[in-house]
């Protein structure tokens, strides 16, 4: 069963896709929704070993990633700063 939730915020509408097996076609869904020239995936140290490589392989364009430590104690501004640093290093723009 597939479900899409739409969230409206100050910057527009965001869609959240919920579906069994979505990871197998997540790359296609992302490319249908956006027109990136590269992709950057942010994951944590628990999820990344399980799914990161599978997701990265779904793209034919450059893919980089940031893996942050798992846990509530890492949800802080210094972690966000590290993500921004990685995004800048990868040359990401608002289109990516």
N, C-alpha and C. Protein backbone atom coordinates (compact mmCIF):
# COMPACT_ATOMS: atom_id res chain seq x y z
N UNK A 1 0.83 -1.17 0.00
CA UNK A 1 0.00 0.00 0.00
C UNK A 1 0.88 1.25 0.00
N UNK A 2 0.64 2.14 -0.93
CA UNK A 2 1.40 3.38 -1.02
C UNK A 2 0.56 4.54 -0.49
N UNK A 3 1.25 5.43 0.18
CA UNK A 3 0.56 6.61 0.71
C UNK A 3 1.50 7.80 0.57
N UNK A 4 0.94 8.95 0.24
CA UNK A 4 1.71 10.18 0.16
C UNK A 4 1.08 11.19 1.10
N UNK A 5 1.89 11.74 1.98
CA UNK A 5 1.44 12.79 2.90
C UNK A 5 1.99 14.11 2.39
N UNK A 6 1.17 15.13 2.38
CA UNK A 6 1.60 16.46 1.97
C UNK A 6 1.64 17.37 3.19
N UNK A 7 2.78 18.00 3.38
CA UNK A 7 2.96 18.93 4.49
C UNK A 7 3.17 20.33 3.92
N UNK A 8 2.37 21.27 4.38
CA UNK A 8 2.49 22.64 3.91
C UNK A 8 3.24 23.46 4.96
N UNK A 9 4.27 24.12 4.50
CA UNK A 9 5.07 24.96 5.38
C UNK A 9 5.25 26.33 4.77
N UNK A 10 6.07 27.13 5.39
CA UNK A 10 6.32 28.49 4.93
C UNK A 10 6.92 28.54 3.53
N UNK A 11 7.65 27.49 3.14
CA UNK A 11 8.32 27.47 1.83
C UNK A 11 7.61 26.60 0.80
N UNK A 12 6.36 26.23 1.06
CA UNK A 12 5.62 25.43 0.09
C UNK A 12 5.22 24.09 0.65
N UNK A 13 4.95 23.17 -0.26
CA UNK A 13 4.46 21.84 0.10
C UNK A 13 5.56 20.81 -0.06
N UNK A 14 5.70 19.93 0.92
CA UNK A 14 6.63 18.80 0.85
C UNK A 14 5.82 17.52 0.87
N UNK A 15 6.22 16.57 0.06
CA UNK A 15 5.54 15.28 0.04
C UNK A 15 6.39 14.21 0.71
N UNK A 16 5.74 13.38 1.50
CA UNK A 16 6.40 12.25 2.16
C UNK A 16 5.78 10.99 1.59
N UNK A 17 6.60 10.14 0.99
CA UNK A 17 6.13 8.90 0.39
C UNK A 17 6.31 7.75 1.38
N UNK A 18 5.26 6.98 1.59
CA UNK A 18 5.29 5.83 2.48
C UNK A 18 4.83 4.62 1.67
N UNK A 19 5.71 3.62 1.58
CA UNK A 19 5.37 2.47 0.74
C UNK A 19 6.32 1.31 1.05
N UNK A 20 5.77 0.13 1.13
CA UNK A 20 6.59 -1.06 1.31
C UNK A 20 7.47 -1.23 0.07
N UNK A 21 8.76 -1.42 0.27
CA UNK A 21 9.68 -1.64 -0.84
C UNK A 21 10.10 -0.37 -1.57
N UNK A 22 9.78 0.78 -1.03
CA UNK A 22 10.10 2.04 -1.70
C UNK A 22 11.60 2.22 -1.92
N UNK A 23 12.41 1.70 -1.03
CA UNK A 23 13.86 1.85 -1.18
C UNK A 23 14.33 1.31 -2.53
N UNK A 24 13.69 0.28 -3.04
CA UNK A 24 14.10 -0.31 -4.31
C UNK A 24 13.93 0.64 -5.49
N UNK A 25 13.07 1.64 -5.36
CA UNK A 25 12.86 2.58 -6.45
C UNK A 25 12.93 4.04 -5.99
N UNK A 26 13.56 4.25 -4.85
CA UNK A 26 13.66 5.60 -4.30
C UNK A 26 14.41 6.55 -5.25
N UNK A 27 15.45 6.07 -5.89
CA UNK A 27 16.18 6.90 -6.84
C UNK A 27 15.29 7.41 -7.96
N UNK A 28 14.46 6.54 -8.50
CA UNK A 28 13.54 6.94 -9.58
C UNK A 28 12.53 7.96 -9.09
N UNK A 29 12.01 7.75 -7.88
CA UNK A 29 11.04 8.70 -7.32
C UNK A 29 11.70 10.06 -7.12
N UNK A 30 12.92 10.09 -6.64
CA UNK A 30 13.64 11.35 -6.44
C UNK A 30 13.87 12.05 -7.77
N UNK A 31 14.28 11.30 -8.79
CA UNK A 31 14.54 11.90 -10.09
C UNK A 31 13.25 12.35 -10.79
N UNK A 32 12.12 11.71 -10.49
CA UNK A 32 10.83 12.16 -11.03
C UNK A 32 10.39 13.47 -10.39
N UNK A 33 10.76 13.67 -9.14
CA UNK A 33 10.32 14.83 -8.37
C UNK A 33 11.24 16.03 -8.57
N UNK A 34 12.52 15.79 -8.67
CA UNK A 34 13.52 16.85 -8.78
C UNK A 34 14.32 16.66 -10.07
N UNK A 35 15.13 17.64 -10.41
CA UNK A 35 16.03 17.55 -11.57
C UNK A 35 17.45 17.86 -11.12
N UNK A 36 18.00 17.03 -10.24
CA UNK A 36 19.32 17.34 -9.70
C UNK A 36 20.43 17.02 -10.71
N UNK A 37 21.57 17.68 -10.53
CA UNK A 37 22.75 17.32 -11.30
C UNK A 37 23.67 16.44 -10.47
N UNK A 38 23.39 16.38 -9.17
CA UNK A 38 24.10 15.50 -8.24
C UNK A 38 23.21 15.30 -7.02
N UNK A 39 23.54 14.30 -6.21
CA UNK A 39 22.72 13.94 -5.05
C UNK A 39 23.63 13.81 -3.84
N UNK A 40 23.15 14.27 -2.70
CA UNK A 40 23.86 14.09 -1.44
C UNK A 40 22.90 13.44 -0.45
N UNK A 41 23.30 12.32 0.10
CA UNK A 41 22.46 11.56 1.02
C UNK A 41 22.99 11.75 2.44
N UNK A 42 22.08 12.07 3.36
CA UNK A 42 22.43 12.20 4.77
C UNK A 42 21.78 11.05 5.51
N UNK A 43 22.59 10.31 6.24
CA UNK A 43 22.09 9.15 6.99
C UNK A 43 22.81 9.10 8.33
N UNK A 44 22.39 8.16 9.16
CA UNK A 44 23.11 8.01 10.43
C UNK A 44 23.88 6.69 10.43
N UNK A 45 24.69 6.52 11.45
CA UNK A 45 25.61 5.37 11.50
C UNK A 45 24.90 4.04 11.73
N UNK A 46 23.63 4.06 12.06
CA UNK A 46 22.86 2.82 12.18
C UNK A 46 22.24 2.44 10.84
N UNK A 47 21.68 3.42 10.14
CA UNK A 47 20.96 3.17 8.89
C UNK A 47 21.90 3.02 7.69
N UNK A 48 22.96 3.82 7.65
CA UNK A 48 23.85 3.83 6.49
C UNK A 48 24.42 2.46 6.13
N UNK A 49 24.92 1.67 7.07
CA UNK A 49 25.46 0.36 6.68
C UNK A 49 24.40 -0.57 6.05
N UNK A 50 23.16 -0.35 6.37
CA UNK A 50 22.08 -1.20 5.87
C UNK A 50 21.59 -0.78 4.49
N UNK A 51 21.54 0.53 4.21
CA UNK A 51 20.83 1.00 3.01
C UNK A 51 21.56 1.99 2.13
N UNK A 52 22.62 2.61 2.59
CA UNK A 52 23.26 3.68 1.84
C UNK A 52 23.76 3.22 0.47
N UNK A 53 24.48 2.14 0.42
CA UNK A 53 25.04 1.67 -0.85
C UNK A 53 23.94 1.33 -1.85
N UNK A 54 22.88 0.69 -1.38
CA UNK A 54 21.76 0.34 -2.25
C UNK A 54 21.13 1.59 -2.88
N UNK A 55 20.99 2.64 -2.09
CA UNK A 55 20.41 3.88 -2.60
C UNK A 55 21.37 4.59 -3.54
N UNK A 56 22.63 4.66 -3.19
CA UNK A 56 23.62 5.34 -4.04
C UNK A 56 23.68 4.73 -5.44
N UNK A 57 23.57 3.43 -5.53
CA UNK A 57 23.67 2.73 -6.82
C UNK A 57 22.50 3.02 -7.75
N UNK A 58 21.44 3.63 -7.26
CA UNK A 58 20.26 3.91 -8.08
C UNK A 58 20.41 5.17 -8.93
N UNK A 59 21.49 5.90 -8.75
CA UNK A 59 21.69 7.15 -9.48
C UNK A 59 22.81 7.01 -10.49
N UNK A 60 22.62 7.61 -11.67
CA UNK A 60 23.68 7.62 -12.68
C UNK A 60 24.44 8.94 -12.64
N UNK A 61 24.10 9.81 -11.70
CA UNK A 61 24.80 11.08 -11.55
C UNK A 61 25.63 11.04 -10.28
N UNK A 62 26.50 12.01 -10.07
CA UNK A 62 27.38 11.98 -8.89
C UNK A 62 26.60 11.95 -7.58
N UNK A 63 27.04 11.07 -6.68
CA UNK A 63 26.41 10.93 -5.37
C UNK A 63 27.49 11.04 -4.30
N UNK A 64 27.23 11.87 -3.31
CA UNK A 64 28.09 11.97 -2.14
C UNK A 64 27.20 11.73 -0.92
N UNK A 65 27.82 11.60 0.23
CA UNK A 65 27.01 11.36 1.42
C UNK A 65 27.69 11.87 2.69
N UNK A 66 26.86 12.05 3.69
CA UNK A 66 27.31 12.37 5.04
C UNK A 66 26.68 11.34 5.97
N UNK A 67 27.49 10.71 6.78
CA UNK A 67 26.98 9.78 7.79
C UNK A 67 27.25 10.40 9.15
N UNK A 68 26.17 10.68 9.86
CA UNK A 68 26.29 11.27 11.19
C UNK A 68 26.15 10.18 12.24
N UNK A 69 26.72 10.39 13.41
CA UNK A 69 26.56 9.38 14.47
C UNK A 69 25.09 9.25 14.87
N UNK A 70 24.67 8.04 15.17
CA UNK A 70 23.30 7.80 15.63
C UNK A 70 23.16 8.28 17.06
N UNK A 71 21.96 8.69 17.41
CA UNK A 71 21.68 9.05 18.80
C UNK A 71 21.24 10.48 18.97
N UNK A 72 20.40 10.67 19.95
CA UNK A 72 19.85 11.99 20.26
C UNK A 72 20.94 13.01 20.59
N UNK A 73 22.02 12.56 21.21
CA UNK A 73 23.06 13.49 21.62
C UNK A 73 23.77 14.15 20.43
N UNK A 74 23.56 13.61 19.22
CA UNK A 74 24.19 14.18 18.03
C UNK A 74 23.26 15.11 17.27
N UNK A 75 22.06 15.30 17.78
CA UNK A 75 21.12 16.25 17.16
C UNK A 75 21.41 17.63 17.74
N UNK A 76 22.44 18.24 17.16
CA UNK A 76 22.88 19.54 17.64
C UNK A 76 23.44 20.36 16.48
N UNK A 77 23.66 21.63 16.70
CA UNK A 77 24.11 22.52 15.63
C UNK A 77 25.45 22.11 15.04
N UNK A 78 26.34 21.56 15.82
CA UNK A 78 27.64 21.15 15.29
C UNK A 78 27.48 20.03 14.26
N UNK A 79 26.48 19.18 14.43
CA UNK A 79 26.21 18.13 13.45
C UNK A 79 25.70 18.75 12.15
N UNK A 80 24.80 19.71 12.28
CA UNK A 80 24.28 20.42 11.10
C UNK A 80 25.40 21.15 10.38
N UNK A 81 26.31 21.75 11.15
CA UNK A 81 27.46 22.43 10.56
C UNK A 81 28.29 21.45 9.72
N UNK A 82 28.49 20.24 10.22
CA UNK A 82 29.22 19.23 9.47
C UNK A 82 28.52 18.84 8.18
N UNK A 83 27.19 18.74 8.23
CA UNK A 83 26.42 18.42 7.02
C UNK A 83 26.59 19.54 6.00
N UNK A 84 26.45 20.80 6.45
CA UNK A 84 26.63 21.94 5.54
C UNK A 84 28.03 21.95 4.93
N UNK A 85 29.02 21.65 5.73
CA UNK A 85 30.39 21.59 5.22
C UNK A 85 30.50 20.56 4.11
N UNK A 86 29.95 19.38 4.33
CA UNK A 86 29.99 18.32 3.31
C UNK A 86 29.23 18.73 2.05
N UNK A 87 28.09 19.40 2.21
CA UNK A 87 27.32 19.87 1.05
C UNK A 87 28.13 20.88 0.24
N UNK A 88 28.79 21.81 0.91
CA UNK A 88 29.61 22.79 0.21
C UNK A 88 30.79 22.13 -0.48
N UNK A 89 31.44 21.20 0.21
CA UNK A 89 32.58 20.49 -0.37
C UNK A 89 32.18 19.72 -1.62
N UNK A 90 30.95 19.18 -1.62
CA UNK A 90 30.44 18.41 -2.77
C UNK A 90 29.94 19.32 -3.89
N UNK A 91 29.91 20.63 -3.66
CA UNK A 91 29.46 21.56 -4.70
C UNK A 91 27.96 21.57 -4.89
N UNK A 92 27.22 21.20 -3.86
CA UNK A 92 25.78 21.13 -3.97
C UNK A 92 25.17 22.53 -4.11
N UNK A 93 24.08 22.61 -4.88
CA UNK A 93 23.34 23.86 -5.02
C UNK A 93 21.89 23.60 -4.63
N UNK A 94 21.05 24.60 -4.69
CA UNK A 94 19.64 24.43 -4.34
C UNK A 94 18.93 23.49 -5.30
N UNK A 95 19.45 23.32 -6.50
CA UNK A 95 18.84 22.41 -7.48
C UNK A 95 19.15 20.95 -7.20
N UNK A 96 20.17 20.68 -6.42
CA UNK A 96 20.60 19.29 -6.17
C UNK A 96 19.86 18.69 -4.99
